């Protein structure tokens, strides 16, 4: 299953050569959620693998981006103990589209009057 997340590019980490044939690059996206009058900032870390490692180089810290990614989970056993890991594997990054004014629809307030409202119906 594919997921997407839109936010501001917060950090780009160095390329890591994990083995002679495996490389990854991590980056962090900042999202902001408002709830009950409070602002919650989340910093979400993604990873790019192999030939995808270079796609982040087209972006700068502070850019608004849209990340397409998959969620991957793994179990790791060592010394009789199990650990579980979850990775967000990004496979596409694109500029986030800014909300266009003509696409913005303000919330409806039935008590408000509009300039072109008229009191008399013409029929």
PDB file of N, CA and C in Angstrom:
ATOM      1  N   UNK A   1       0.843  -1.178   0.000  1.00  0.00           N
ATOM      2  CA  UNK A   1       0.000   0.000   0.000  1.00  0.00           C
ATOM      3  C   UNK A   1       0.888   1.241   0.000  1.00  0.00           C
ATOM      4  N   UNK A   2       0.503   2.238  -0.754  1.00  0.00           N
ATOM      5  CA  UNK A   2       1.260   3.479  -0.876  1.00  0.00           C
ATOM      6  C   UNK A   2       0.607   4.573  -0.030  1.00  0.00           C
ATOM      7  N   UNK A   3       1.448   5.374   0.609  1.00  0.00           N
ATOM      8  CA  UNK A   3       0.999   6.497   1.422  1.00  0.00           C
ATOM      9  C   UNK A   3       1.659   7.767   0.906  1.00  0.00           C
ATOM     10  N   UNK A   4       1.077   8.915   1.254  1.00  0.00           N
ATOM     11  CA  UNK A   4       1.699  10.194   0.932  1.00  0.00           C
ATOM     12  C   UNK A   4       1.642  11.087   2.166  1.00  0.00           C
ATOM     13  N   UNK A   5       2.614  11.973   2.248  1.00  0.00           N
ATOM     14  CA  UNK A   5       2.677  12.943   3.327  1.00  0.00           C
ATOM     15  C   UNK A   5       3.222  14.235   2.753  1.00  0.00           C
ATOM     16  N   UNK A   6       2.609  15.341   3.120  1.00  0.00           N
ATOM     17  CA  UNK A   6       3.050  16.650   2.658  1.00  0.00           C
ATOM     18  C   UNK A   6       3.535  17.455   3.855  1.00  0.00           C
ATOM     19  N   UNK A   7       4.668  18.108   3.685  1.00  0.00           N
ATOM     20  CA  UNK A   7       5.217  18.919   4.760  1.00  0.00           C
ATOM     21  C   UNK A   7       6.442  19.678   4.291  1.00  0.00           C
ATOM     22  N   UNK A   8       7.133  20.272   5.253  1.00  0.00           N
ATOM     23  CA  UNK A   8       8.312  21.084   4.962  1.00  0.00           C
ATOM     24  C   UNK A   8       9.561  20.227   5.189  1.00  0.00           C
ATOM     25  N   UNK A   9      10.486  20.271   4.228  1.00  0.00           N
ATOM     26  CA  UNK A   9      11.739  19.534   4.362  1.00  0.00           C
ATOM     27  C   UNK A   9      12.551  20.137   5.502  1.00  0.00           C
ATOM     28  N   UNK A  10      12.819  19.342   6.521  1.00  0.00           N
ATOM     29  CA  UNK A  10      13.465  19.811   7.748  1.00  0.00           C
ATOM     30  C   UNK A  10      14.958  19.484   7.780  1.00  0.00           C
ATOM     31  N   UNK A  11      15.335  18.304   7.272  1.00  0.00           N
ATOM     32  CA  UNK A  11      16.745  17.889   7.314  1.00  0.00           C
ATOM     33  C   UNK A  11      17.016  16.869   6.218  1.00  0.00           C
ATOM     34  N   UNK A  12      18.237  16.902   5.691  1.00  0.00           N
ATOM     35  CA  UNK A  12      18.718  15.896   4.747  1.00  0.00           C
ATOM     36  C   UNK A  12      19.999  15.333   5.341  1.00  0.00           C
ATOM     37  N   UNK A  13      20.006  14.041   5.610  1.00  0.00           N
ATOM     38  CA  UNK A  13      21.163  13.411   6.230  1.00  0.00           C
ATOM     39  C   UNK A  13      22.111  12.880   5.156  1.00  0.00           C
ATOM     40  N   UNK A  14      23.330  12.563   5.574  1.00  0.00           N
ATOM     41  CA  UNK A  14      24.367  12.098   4.653  1.00  0.00           C
ATOM     42  C   UNK A  14      24.034  10.716   4.092  1.00  0.00           C
ATOM     43  N   UNK A  15      24.521  10.455   2.903  1.00  0.00           N
ATOM     44  CA  UNK A  15      24.408   9.146   2.274  1.00  0.00           C
ATOM     45  C   UNK A  15      25.178   8.134   3.120  1.00  0.00           C
ATOM     46  N   UNK A  16      24.559   6.973   3.372  1.00  0.00           N
ATOM     47  CA  UNK A  16      25.197   5.924   4.161  1.00  0.00           C
ATOM     48  C   UNK A  16      25.430   4.702   3.285  1.00  0.00           C
ATOM     49  N   UNK A  17      26.656   4.268   3.176  1.00  0.00           N
ATOM     50  CA  UNK A  17      26.971   3.013   2.495  1.00  0.00           C
ATOM     51  C   UNK A  17      26.952   1.922   3.560  1.00  0.00           C
ATOM     52  N   UNK A  18      25.825   1.232   3.669  1.00  0.00           N
ATOM     53  CA  UNK A  18      25.631   0.232   4.714  1.00  0.00           C
ATOM     54  C   UNK A  18      26.520  -0.978   4.447  1.00  0.00           C
ATOM     55  N   UNK A  19      26.549  -1.441   3.208  1.00  0.00           N
ATOM     56  CA  UNK A  19      27.447  -2.509   2.773  1.00  0.00           C
ATOM     57  C   UNK A  19      28.009  -2.082   1.426  1.00  0.00           C
ATOM     58  N   UNK A  20      28.823  -2.937   0.842  1.00  0.00           N
ATOM     59  CA  UNK A  20      29.384  -2.626  -0.466  1.00  0.00           C
ATOM     60  C   UNK A  20      28.335  -2.531  -1.565  1.00  0.00           C
ATOM     61  N   UNK A  21      27.171  -3.113  -1.342  1.00  0.00           N
ATOM     62  CA  UNK A  21      26.125  -3.106  -2.370  1.00  0.00           C
ATOM     63  C   UNK A  21      24.821  -2.461  -1.915  1.00  0.00           C
ATOM     64  N   UNK A  22      24.795  -1.921  -0.697  1.00  0.00           N
ATOM     65  CA  UNK A  22      23.553  -1.338  -0.172  1.00  0.00           C
ATOM     66  C   UNK A  22      23.817   0.052   0.387  1.00  0.00           C
ATOM     67  N   UNK A  23      23.036   1.030  -0.088  1.00  0.00           N
ATOM     68  CA  UNK A  23      23.154   2.399   0.421  1.00  0.00           C
ATOM     69  C   UNK A  23      21.780   2.954   0.742  1.00  0.00           C
ATOM     70  N   UNK A  24      21.764   3.916   1.671  1.00  0.00           N
ATOM     71  CA  UNK A  24      20.516   4.592   2.020  1.00  0.00           C
ATOM     72  C   UNK A  24      20.808   6.033   2.389  1.00  0.00           C
ATOM     73  N   UNK A  25      19.766   6.856   2.286  1.00  0.00           N
ATOM     74  CA  UNK A  25      19.858   8.258   2.682  1.00  0.00           C
ATOM     75  C   UNK A  25      18.569   8.619   3.384  1.00  0.00           C
ATOM     76  N   UNK A  26      18.688   9.247   4.542  1.00  0.00           N
ATOM     77  CA  UNK A  26      17.517   9.615   5.324  1.00  0.00           C
ATOM     78  C   UNK A  26      17.271  11.115   5.235  1.00  0.00           C
ATOM     79  N   UNK A  27      16.008  11.485   5.373  1.00  0.00           N
ATOM     80  CA  UNK A  27      15.616  12.886   5.414  1.00  0.00           C
ATOM     81  C   UNK A  27      14.410  13.020   6.325  1.00  0.00           C
ATOM     82  N   UNK A  28      14.164  14.241   6.790  1.00  0.00           N
ATOM     83  CA  UNK A  28      13.108  14.496   7.773  1.00  0.00           C
ATOM     84  C   UNK A  28      12.146  15.540   7.220  1.00  0.00           C
ATOM     85  N   UNK A  29      10.854  15.266   7.383  1.00  0.00           N
ATOM     86  CA  UNK A  29       9.796  16.183   6.958  1.00  0.00           C
ATOM     87  C   UNK A  29       9.039  16.650   8.201  1.00  0.00           C
ATOM     88  N   UNK A  30       8.816  17.950   8.265  1.00  0.00           N
ATOM     89  CA  UNK A  30       8.071  18.555   9.377  1.00  0.00           C
ATOM     90  C   UNK A  30       6.622  18.757   8.964  1.00  0.00           C
ATOM     91  N   UNK A  31       5.710  18.283   9.817  1.00  0.00           N
ATOM     92  CA  UNK A  31       4.288  18.545   9.603  1.00  0.00           C
ATOM     93  C   UNK A  31       3.755  19.281  10.827  1.00  0.00           C
ATOM     94  N   UNK A  32       2.711  20.060  10.617  1.00  0.00           N
ATOM     95  CA  UNK A  32       2.091  20.819  11.703  1.00  0.00           C
ATOM     96  C   UNK A  32       0.607  20.483  11.726  1.00  0.00           C
ATOM     97  N   UNK A  33       0.126  20.129  12.906  1.00  0.00           N
ATOM     98  CA  UNK A  33      -1.288  19.829  13.083  1.00  0.00           C
ATOM     99  C   UNK A  33      -1.838  20.728  14.172  1.00  0.00           C
ATOM    100  N   UNK A  34      -2.984  21.328  13.920  1.00  0.00           N
ATOM    101  CA  UNK A  34      -3.636  22.171  14.910  1.00  0.00           C
ATOM    102  C   UNK A  34      -4.821  21.412  15.482  1.00  0.00           C
ATOM    103  N   UNK A  35      -4.877  21.349  16.803  1.00  0.00           N
ATOM    104  CA  UNK A  35      -5.961  20.651  17.475  1.00  0.00           C
ATOM    105  C   UNK A  35      -6.271  21.365  18.780  1.00  0.00           C
ATOM    106  N   UNK A  36      -7.515  21.673  18.975  1.00  0.00           N
ATOM    107  CA  UNK A  36      -7.976  22.333  20.202  1.00  0.00           C
ATOM    108  C   UNK A  36      -7.197  23.604  20.500  1.00  0.00           C
ATOM    109  N   UNK A  37      -6.880  24.369  19.452  1.00  0.00           N
ATOM    110  CA  UNK A  37      -6.176  25.627  19.624  1.00  0.00           C
ATOM    111  C   UNK A  37      -4.692  25.485  19.894  1.00  0.00           C
ATOM    112  N   UNK A  38      -4.177  24.262  19.827  1.00  0.00           N
ATOM    113  CA  UNK A  38      -2.746  24.027  20.049  1.00  0.00           C
ATOM    114  C   UNK A  38      -2.108  23.546  18.760  1.00  0.00           C
ATOM    115  N   UNK A  39      -0.834  23.846  18.606  1.00  0.00           N
ATOM    116  CA  UNK A  39      -0.083  23.452  17.425  1.00  0.00           C
ATOM    117  C   UNK A  39       0.864  22.309  17.801  1.00  0.00           C
ATOM    118  N   UNK A  40       0.786  21.224  17.038  1.00  0.00           N
ATOM    119  CA  UNK A  40       1.641  20.067  17.276  1.00  0.00           C
ATOM    120  C   UNK A  40       2.548  19.884  16.062  1.00  0.00           C
ATOM    121  N   UNK A  41       3.846  19.904  16.298  1.00  0.00           N
ATOM    122  CA  UNK A  41       4.827  19.729  15.230  1.00  0.00           C
ATOM    123  C   UNK A  41       5.359  18.305  15.292  1.00  0.00           C
ATOM    124  N   UNK A  42       5.325  17.624  14.159  1.00  0.00           N
ATOM    125  CA  UNK A  42       5.849  16.265  14.049  1.00  0.00           C
ATOM    126  C   UNK A  42       7.035  16.279  13.096  1.00  0.00           C
ATOM    127  N   UNK A  43       8.083  15.560  13.443  1.00  0.00           N
ATOM    128  CA  UNK A  43       9.256  15.409  12.588  1.00  0.00           C
ATOM    129  C   UNK A  43       9.308  13.940  12.166  1.00  0.00           C
ATOM    130  N   UNK A  44       9.050  13.686  10.886  1.00  0.00           N
ATOM    131  CA  UNK A  44       8.915  12.326  10.364  1.00  0.00           C
ATOM    132  C   UNK A  44      10.154  11.990   9.540  1.00  0.00           C
ATOM    133  N   UNK A  45      10.853  10.899   9.918  1.00  0.00           N
ATOM    134  CA  UNK A  45      12.065  10.495   9.205  1.00  0.00           C
ATOM    135  C   UNK A  45      11.727   9.433   8.152  1.00  0.00           C
ATOM    136  N   UNK A  46      12.207   9.670   6.934  1.00  0.00           N
ATOM    137  CA  UNK A  46      12.051   8.744   5.818  1.00  0.00           C
ATOM    138  C   UNK A  46      13.419   8.254   5.394  1.00  0.00           C
ATOM    139  N   UNK A  47      13.438   7.171   4.640  1.00  0.00           N
ATOM    140  CA  UNK A  47      14.685   6.712   4.051  1.00  0.00           C
ATOM    141  C   UNK A  47      14.493   6.473   2.562  1.00  0.00           C
ATOM    142  N   UNK A  48      15.555   6.763   1.819  1.00  0.00           N
ATOM    143  CA  UNK A  48      15.645   6.479   0.394  1.00  0.00           C
ATOM    144  C   UNK A  48      16.652   5.349   0.243  1.00  0.00           C
ATOM    145  N   UNK A  49      16.347   4.389  -0.619  1.00  0.00           N
ATOM    146  CA  UNK A  49      17.227   3.232  -0.783  1.00  0.00           C
ATOM    147  C   UNK A  49      17.780   3.149  -2.194  1.00  0.00           C
ATOM    148  N   UNK A  50      19.023   2.677  -2.270  1.00  0.00           N
ATOM    149  CA  UNK A  50      19.700   2.348  -3.516  1.00  0.00           C
ATOM    150  C   UNK A  50      19.652   3.485  -4.538  1.00  0.00           C
ATOM    151  N   UNK A  51      19.042   3.247  -5.700  1.00  0.00           N
ATOM    152  CA  UNK A  51      19.048   4.246  -6.779  1.00  0.00           C
ATOM    153  C   UNK A  51      18.147   5.444  -6.487  1.00  0.00           C
ATOM    154  N   UNK A  52      17.348   5.397  -5.439  1.00  0.00           N
ATOM    155  CA  UNK A  52      16.467   6.519  -5.066  1.00  0.00           C
ATOM    156  C   UNK A  52      17.174   7.543  -4.182  1.00  0.00           C
ATOM    157  N   UNK A  53      18.384   7.245  -3.723  1.00  0.00           N
ATOM    158  CA  UNK A  53      19.092   8.121  -2.774  1.00  0.00           C
ATOM    159  C   UNK A  53      19.310   9.541  -3.296  1.00  0.00           C
ATOM    160  N   UNK A  54      19.418   9.705  -4.594  1.00  0.00           N
ATOM    161  CA  UNK A  54      19.716  11.015  -5.159  1.00  0.00           C
ATOM    162  C   UNK A  54      18.514  11.915  -5.376  1.00  0.00           C
ATOM    163  N   UNK A  55      17.291  11.395  -5.254  1.00  0.00           N
ATOM    164  CA  UNK A  55      16.124  12.231  -5.597  1.00  0.00           C
ATOM    165  C   UNK A  55      15.897  13.383  -4.625  1.00  0.00           C
ATOM    166  N   UNK A  56      16.472  13.317  -3.439  1.00  0.00           N
ATOM    167  CA  UNK A  56      16.318  14.401  -2.465  1.00  0.00           C
ATOM    168  C   UNK A  56      17.200  15.596  -2.804  1.00  0.00           C
ATOM    169  N   UNK A  57      18.207  15.394  -3.633  1.00  0.00           N
ATOM    170  CA  UNK A  57      19.155  16.462  -3.951  1.00  0.00           C
ATOM    171  C   UNK A  57      18.542  17.611  -4.745  1.00  0.00           C
ATOM    172  N   UNK A  58      17.358  17.417  -5.287  1.00  0.00           N
ATOM    173  CA  UNK A  58      16.670  18.483  -6.026  1.00  0.00           C
ATOM    174  C   UNK A  58      15.938  19.456  -5.110  1.00  0.00           C
ATOM    175  N   UNK A  59      16.025  19.242  -3.789  1.00  0.00           N
ATOM    176  CA  UNK A  59      15.258  20.039  -2.838  1.00  0.00           C
ATOM    177  C   UNK A  59      16.176  20.657  -1.790  1.00  0.00           C
ATOM    178  N   UNK A  60      15.687  21.733  -1.185  1.00  0.00           N
ATOM    179  CA  UNK A  60      16.426  22.449  -0.145  1.00  0.00           C
ATOM    180  C   UNK A  60      15.636  22.444   1.157  1.00  0.00           C
ATOM    181  N   UNK A  61      16.352  22.581   2.261  1.00  0.00           N
ATOM    182  CA  UNK A  61      15.703  22.688   3.565  1.00  0.00           C
ATOM    183  C   UNK A  61      14.699  23.837   3.500  1.00  0.00           C
ATOM    184  N   UNK A  62      13.490  23.591   3.985  1.00  0.00           N
ATOM    185  CA  UNK A  62      12.435  24.602   3.965  1.00  0.00           C
ATOM    186  C   UNK A  62      11.458  24.445   2.820  1.00  0.00           C
ATOM    187  N   UNK A  63      11.809  23.647   1.796  1.00  0.00           N
ATOM    188  CA  UNK A  63      10.892  23.421   0.672  1.00  0.00           C
ATOM    189  C   UNK A  63       9.684  22.620   1.139  1.00  0.00           C
ATOM    190  N   UNK A  64       8.525  22.944   0.599  1.00  0.00           N
ATOM    191  CA  UNK A  64       7.328  22.149   0.848  1.00  0.00           C
ATOM    192  C   UNK A  64       7.308  21.020  -0.172  1.00  0.00           C
ATOM    193  N   UNK A  65       7.247  19.784   0.336  1.00  0.00           N
ATOM    194  CA  UNK A  65       7.312  18.622  -0.532  1.00  0.00           C
ATOM    195  C   UNK A  65       6.183  17.646  -0.226  1.00  0.00           C
ATOM    196  N   UNK A  66       5.926  16.806  -1.199  1.00  0.00           N
ATOM    197  CA  UNK A  66       4.984  15.698  -1.055  1.00  0.00           C
ATOM    198  C   UNK A  66       5.794  14.422  -1.234  1.00  0.00           C
ATOM    199  N   UNK A  67       5.749  13.536  -0.241  1.00  0.00           N
ATOM    200  CA  UNK A  67       6.524  12.302  -0.253  1.00  0.00           C
ATOM    201  C   UNK A  67       5.577  11.122  -0.445  1.00  0.00           C
ATOM    202  N   UNK A  68       5.855  10.287  -1.427  1.00  0.00           N
ATOM    203  CA  UNK A  68       5.140   9.016  -1.603  1.00  0.00           C
ATOM    204  C   UNK A  68       6.032   7.941  -0.996  1.00  0.00           C
ATOM    205  N   UNK A  69       5.440   7.073  -0.180  1.00  0.00           N
ATOM    206  CA  UNK A  69       6.252   6.098   0.541  1.00  0.00           C
ATOM    207  C   UNK A  69       5.470   4.826   0.856  1.00  0.00           C
ATOM    208  N   UNK A  70       6.208   3.799   1.210  1.00  0.00           N
ATOM    209  CA  UNK A  70       5.659   2.534   1.694  1.00  0.00           C
ATOM    210  C   UNK A  70       6.099   2.347   3.132  1.00  0.00           C
ATOM    211  N   UNK A  71       5.299   1.646   3.906  1.00  0.00           N
ATOM    212  CA  UNK A  71       5.658   1.313   5.282  1.00  0.00           C
ATOM    213  C   UNK A  71       6.172  -0.122   5.283  1.00  0.00           C
ATOM    214  N   UNK A  72       7.359  -0.307   5.832  1.00  0.00           N
ATOM    215  CA  UNK A  72       7.976  -1.636   5.899  1.00  0.00           C
ATOM    216  C   UNK A  72       8.291  -1.956   7.361  1.00  0.00           C
ATOM    217  N   UNK A  73       8.048  -3.192   7.752  1.00  0.00           N
ATOM    218  CA  UNK A  73       8.339  -3.632   9.110  1.00  0.00           C
ATOM    219  C   UNK A  73       9.194  -4.885   9.089  1.00  0.00           C
ATOM    220  N   UNK A  74      10.091  -4.986  10.059  1.00  0.00           N
ATOM    221  CA  UNK A  74      11.006  -6.124  10.137  1.00  0.00           C
ATOM    222  C   UNK A  74      11.149  -6.580  11.593  1.00  0.00           C
ATOM    223  N   UNK A  75      11.430  -7.851  11.732  1.00  0.00           N
ATOM    224  CA  UNK A  75      11.753  -8.420  13.033  1.00  0.00           C
ATOM    225  C   UNK A  75      13.237  -8.763  13.020  1.00  0.00           C
ATOM    226  N   UNK A  76      13.913  -8.475  14.133  1.00  0.00           N
ATOM    227  CA  UNK A  76      15.345  -8.756  14.239  1.00  0.00           C
ATOM    228  C   UNK A  76      15.578  -9.483  15.551  1.00  0.00           C
ATOM    229  N   UNK A  77      16.174 -10.665  15.477  1.00  0.00           N
ATOM    230  CA  UNK A  77      16.470 -11.472  16.663  1.00  0.00           C
ATOM    231  C   UNK A  77      17.965 -11.446  16.948  1.00  0.00           C
ATOM    232  N   UNK A  78      18.320 -11.176  18.209  1.00  0.00           N
ATOM    233  CA  UNK A  78      19.718 -11.202  18.626  1.00  0.00           C
ATOM    234  C   UNK A  78      19.777 -11.573  20.103  1.00  0.00           C
ATOM    235  N   UNK A  79      20.623 -12.525  20.417  1.00  0.00           N
ATOM    236  CA  UNK A  79      20.820 -12.975  21.807  1.00  0.00           C
ATOM    237  C   UNK A  79      19.503 -13.368  22.472  1.00  0.00           C
ATOM    238  N   UNK A  80      18.635 -14.006  21.706  1.00  0.00           N
ATOM    239  CA  UNK A  80      17.365 -14.482  22.254  1.00  0.00           C
ATOM    240  C   UNK A  80      16.313 -13.408  22.441  1.00  0.00           C
ATOM    241  N   UNK A  81      16.588 -12.186  22.010  1.00  0.00           N
ATOM    242  CA  UNK A  81      15.619 -11.094  22.132  1.00  0.00           C
ATOM    243  C   UNK A  81      15.187 -10.645  20.750  1.00  0.00           C
ATOM    244  N   UNK A  82      13.908 -10.353  20.626  1.00  0.00           N
ATOM    245  CA  UNK A  82      13.357  -9.869  19.357  1.00  0.00           C
ATOM    246  C   UNK A  82      13.139  -8.372  19.420  1.00  0.00           C
ATOM    247  N   UNK A  83      13.486  -7.713  18.337  1.00  0.00           N
ATOM    248  CA  UNK A  83      13.205  -6.289  18.178  1.00  0.00           C
ATOM    249  C   UNK A  83      12.436  -6.112  16.882  1.00  0.00           C
ATOM    250  N   UNK A  84      11.621  -5.086  16.835  1.00  0.00           N
ATOM    251  CA  UNK A  84      10.821  -4.803  15.645  1.00  0.00           C
ATOM    252  C   UNK A  84      11.138  -3.394  15.156  1.00  0.00           C
ATOM    253  N   UNK A  85      11.279  -3.263  13.860  1.00  0.00           N
ATOM    254  CA  UNK A  85      11.618  -1.991  13.251  1.00  0.00           C
ATOM    255  C   UNK A  85      10.581  -1.638  12.195  1.00  0.00           C
ATOM    256  N   UNK A  86      10.280  -0.373  12.105  1.00  0.00           N
ATOM    257  CA  UNK A  86       9.383   0.135  11.071  1.00  0.00           C
ATOM    258  C   UNK A  86      10.138   1.204  10.290  1.00  0.00           C
ATOM    259  N   UNK A  87      10.112   1.101   8.967  1.00  0.00           N
ATOM    260  CA  UNK A  87      10.767   2.081   8.109  1.00  0.00           C
ATOM    261  C   UNK A  87       9.753   2.686   7.154  1.00  0.00           C
ATOM    262  N   UNK A  88       9.933   3.953   6.874  1.00  0.00           N
ATOM    263  CA  UNK A  88       9.133   4.652   5.871  1.00  0.00           C
ATOM    264  C   UNK A  88      10.022   4.800   4.644  1.00  0.00           C
ATOM    265  N   UNK A  89       9.797   3.944   3.654  1.00  0.00           N
ATOM    266  CA  UNK A  89      10.626   3.913   2.445  1.00  0.00           C
ATOM    267  C   UNK A  89      10.037   4.835   1.382  1.00  0.00           C
ATOM    268  N   UNK A  90      10.663   5.992   1.204  1.00  0.00           N
ATOM    269  CA  UNK A  90      10.214   6.962   0.204  1.00  0.00           C
ATOM    270  C   UNK A  90      10.657   6.494  -1.174  1.00  0.00           C
ATOM    271  N   UNK A  91       9.792   6.678  -2.153  1.00  0.00           N
ATOM    272  CA  UNK A  91      10.156   6.311  -3.518  1.00  0.00           C
ATOM    273  C   UNK A  91       9.862   7.426  -4.518  1.00  0.00           C
ATOM    274  N   UNK A  92       9.176   8.473  -4.067  1.00  0.00           N
ATOM    275  CA  UNK A  92       8.981   9.648  -4.921  1.00  0.00           C
ATOM    276  C   UNK A  92       8.881  10.881  -4.039  1.00  0.00           C
ATOM    277  N   UNK A  93       9.502  11.955  -4.499  1.00  0.00           N
ATOM    278  CA  UNK A  93       9.403  13.258  -3.832  1.00  0.00           C
ATOM    279  C   UNK A  93       9.077  14.268  -4.916  1.00  0.00           C
ATOM    280  N   UNK A  94       8.094  15.108  -4.641  1.00  0.00           N
ATOM    281  CA  UNK A  94       7.716  16.144  -5.597  1.00  0.00           C
ATOM    282  C   UNK A  94       7.353  17.413  -4.845  1.00  0.00           C
ATOM    283  N   UNK A  95       7.410  18.548  -5.526  1.00  0.00           N
ATOM    284  CA  UNK A  95       7.015  19.791  -4.854  1.00  0.00           C
ATOM    285  C   UNK A  95       5.550  19.704  -4.429  1.00  0.00           C
ATOM    286  N   UNK A  96       5.267  20.198  -3.242  1.00  0.00           N
ATOM    287  CA  UNK A  96       3.882  20.224  -2.774  1.00  0.00           C
ATOM    288  C   UNK A  96       3.171  21.357  -3.487  1.00  0.00           C
ATOM    289  N   UNK A  97       1.985  21.082  -3.942  1.00  0.00           N
ATOM    290  CA  UNK A  97       1.206  22.122  -4.617  1.00  0.00           C
ATOM    291  C   UNK A  97       0.644  23.060  -3.571  1.00  0.00           C
ATOM    292  N   UNK A  98       0.860  24.332  -3.785  1.00  0.00           N
ATOM    293  CA  UNK A  98       0.294  25.333  -2.881  1.00  0.00           C
ATOM    294  C   UNK A  98      -1.211  25.381  -3.094  1.00  0.00           C
ATOM    295  N   UNK A  99      -1.922  25.619  -2.017  1.00  0.00           N
ATOM    296  CA  UNK A  99      -3.377  25.728  -2.110  1.00  0.00           C
ATOM    297  C   UNK A  99      -3.728  26.961  -2.915  1.00  0.00           C
ATOM    298  N   UNK A 100      -4.477  26.763  -3.986  1.00  0.00           N
ATOM    299  CA  UNK A 100      -4.847  27.891  -4.840  1.00  0.00           C
ATOM    300  C   UNK A 100      -6.032  28.619  -4.221  1.00  0.00           C
ATOM    301  N   UNK A 101      -6.037  29.945  -4.389  1.00  0.00           N
ATOM    302  CA  UNK A 101      -7.134  30.726  -3.813  1.00  0.00           C
ATOM    303  C   UNK A 101      -8.480  30.299  -4.359  1.00  0.00           C
ATOM    304  N   UNK A 102      -8.536  29.988  -5.669  1.00  0.00           N
ATOM    305  CA  UNK A 102      -9.830  29.618  -6.237  1.00  0.00           C
ATOM    306  C   UNK A 102     -10.288  28.248  -5.751  1.00  0.00           C
ATOM    307  N   UNK A 103      -9.373  27.422  -5.208  1.00  0.00           N
ATOM    308  CA  UNK A 103      -9.742  26.121  -4.669  1.00  0.00           C
ATOM    309  C   UNK A 103     -10.185  26.220  -3.215  1.00  0.00           C
ATOM    310  N   UNK A 104      -9.866  27.354  -2.575  1.00  0.00           N
ATOM    311  CA  UNK A 104     -10.200  27.512  -1.165  1.00  0.00           C
ATOM    312  C   UNK A 104     -11.671  27.870  -1.027  1.00  0.00           C
ATOM    313  N   UNK A 105     -12.387  27.117  -0.237  1.00  0.00           N
ATOM    314  CA  UNK A 105     -13.799  27.389   0.024  1.00  0.00           C
ATOM    315  C   UNK A 105     -13.922  27.695   1.511  1.00  0.00           C
ATOM    316  N   UNK A 106     -14.284  28.936   1.856  1.00  0.00           N
ATOM    317  CA  UNK A 106     -14.389  29.266   3.277  1.00  0.00           C
ATOM    318  C   UNK A 106     -15.548  28.522   3.923  1.00  0.00           C
ATOM    319  N   UNK A 107     -15.473  28.282   5.223  1.00  0.00           N
ATOM    320  CA  UNK A 107     -16.574  27.616   5.906  1.00  0.00           C
ATOM    321  C   UNK A 107     -17.851  28.446   5.793  1.00  0.00           C
ATOM    322  N   UNK A 108     -18.984  27.800   5.668  1.00  0.00           N
ATOM    323  CA  UNK A 108     -20.258  28.485   5.512  1.00  0.00           C
ATOM    324  C   UNK A 108     -20.773  28.943   6.869  1.00  0.00           C
ATOM    325  N   UNK A 109     -21.161  30.202   6.924  1.00  0.00           N
ATOM    326  CA  UNK A 109     -21.765  30.766   8.130  1.00  0.00           C
ATOM    327  C   UNK A 109     -23.136  31.266   7.724  1.00  0.00           C
ATOM    328  N   UNK A 110     -24.176  30.579   8.169  1.00  0.00           N
ATOM    329  CA  UNK A 110     -25.532  30.938   7.736  1.00  0.00           C
ATOM    330  C   UNK A 110     -25.987  32.296   8.251  1.00  0.00           C
ATOM    331  N   UNK A 111     -25.300  32.860   9.226  1.00  0.00           N
ATOM    332  CA  UNK A 111     -25.659  34.168   9.766  1.00  0.00           C
ATOM    333  C   UNK A 111     -24.967  35.320   9.053  1.00  0.00           C
ATOM    334  N   UNK A 112     -24.012  35.010   8.156  1.00  0.00           N
ATOM    335  CA  UNK A 112     -23.279  36.087   7.499  1.00  0.00           C
ATOM    336  C   UNK A 112     -24.065  36.597   6.298  1.00  0.00           C
ATOM    337  N   UNK A 113     -23.827  37.849   5.968  1.00  0.00           N
ATOM    338  CA  UNK A 113     -24.442  38.492   4.798  1.00  0.00           C
ATOM    339  C   UNK A 113     -23.367  38.698   3.751  1.00  0.00           C
ATOM    340  N   UNK A 114     -23.708  38.498   2.519  1.00  0.00           N
ATOM    341  CA  UNK A 114     -22.795  38.744   1.420  1.00  0.00           C
ATOM    342  C   UNK A 114     -23.190  40.041   0.743  1.00  0.00           C
ATOM    343  N   UNK A 115     -22.214  40.714   0.144  1.00  0.00           N
ATOM    344  CA  UNK A 115     -22.464  42.007  -0.487  1.00  0.00           C
ATOM    345  C   UNK A 115     -23.549  41.930  -1.550  1.00  0.00           C
ATOM    346  N   UNK A 116     -23.617  40.828  -2.252  1.00  0.00           N
ATOM    347  CA  UNK A 116     -24.613  40.743  -3.320  1.00  0.00           C
ATOM    348  C   UNK A 116     -25.925  40.127  -2.842  1.00  0.00           C
ATOM    349  N   UNK A 117     -26.074  39.913  -1.517  1.00  0.00           N
ATOM    350  CA  UNK A 117     -27.365  39.461  -0.999  1.00  0.00           C
ATOM    351  C   UNK A 117     -28.379  40.590  -1.168  1.00  0.00           C
ATOM    352  N   UNK A 118     -29.583  40.241  -1.500  1.00  0.00           N
ATOM    353  CA  UNK A 118     -30.628  41.253  -1.596  1.00  0.00           C
ATOM    354  C   UNK A 118     -31.756  40.857  -0.660  1.00  0.00           C
ATOM    355  N   UNK A 119     -32.463  41.869  -0.181  1.00  0.00           N
ATOM    356  CA  UNK A 119     -33.542  41.602   0.770  1.00  0.00           C
ATOM    357  C   UNK A 119     -34.852  41.248   0.063  1.00  0.00           C
ATOM    358  N   UNK A 120     -35.028  41.773  -1.138  1.00  0.00           N
ATOM    359  CA  UNK A 120     -36.288  41.526  -1.853  1.00  0.00           C
ATOM    360  C   UNK A 120     -36.059  40.545  -2.979  1.00  0.00           C
ATOM    361  N   UNK A 121     -36.956  39.621  -3.122  1.00  0.00           N
ATOM    362  CA  UNK A 121     -36.900  38.669  -4.225  1.00  0.00           C
ATOM    363  C   UNK A 121     -37.594  39.317  -5.416  1.00  0.00           C
ATOM    364  N   UNK A 122     -37.027  39.243  -6.647  1.00  0.00           N
ATOM    365  CA  UNK A 122     -37.577  39.983  -7.786  1.00  0.00           C
ATOM    366  C   UNK A 122     -38.857  39.401  -8.375  1.00  0.00           C
ATOM    367  N   UNK A 123     -39.443  38.397  -7.813  1.00  0.00           N
ATOM    368  CA  UNK A 123     -40.687  37.850  -8.388  1.00  0.00           C
ATOM    369  C   UNK A 123     -41.777  37.793  -7.373  1.00  0.00           C
TER     370      UNK A 123
END
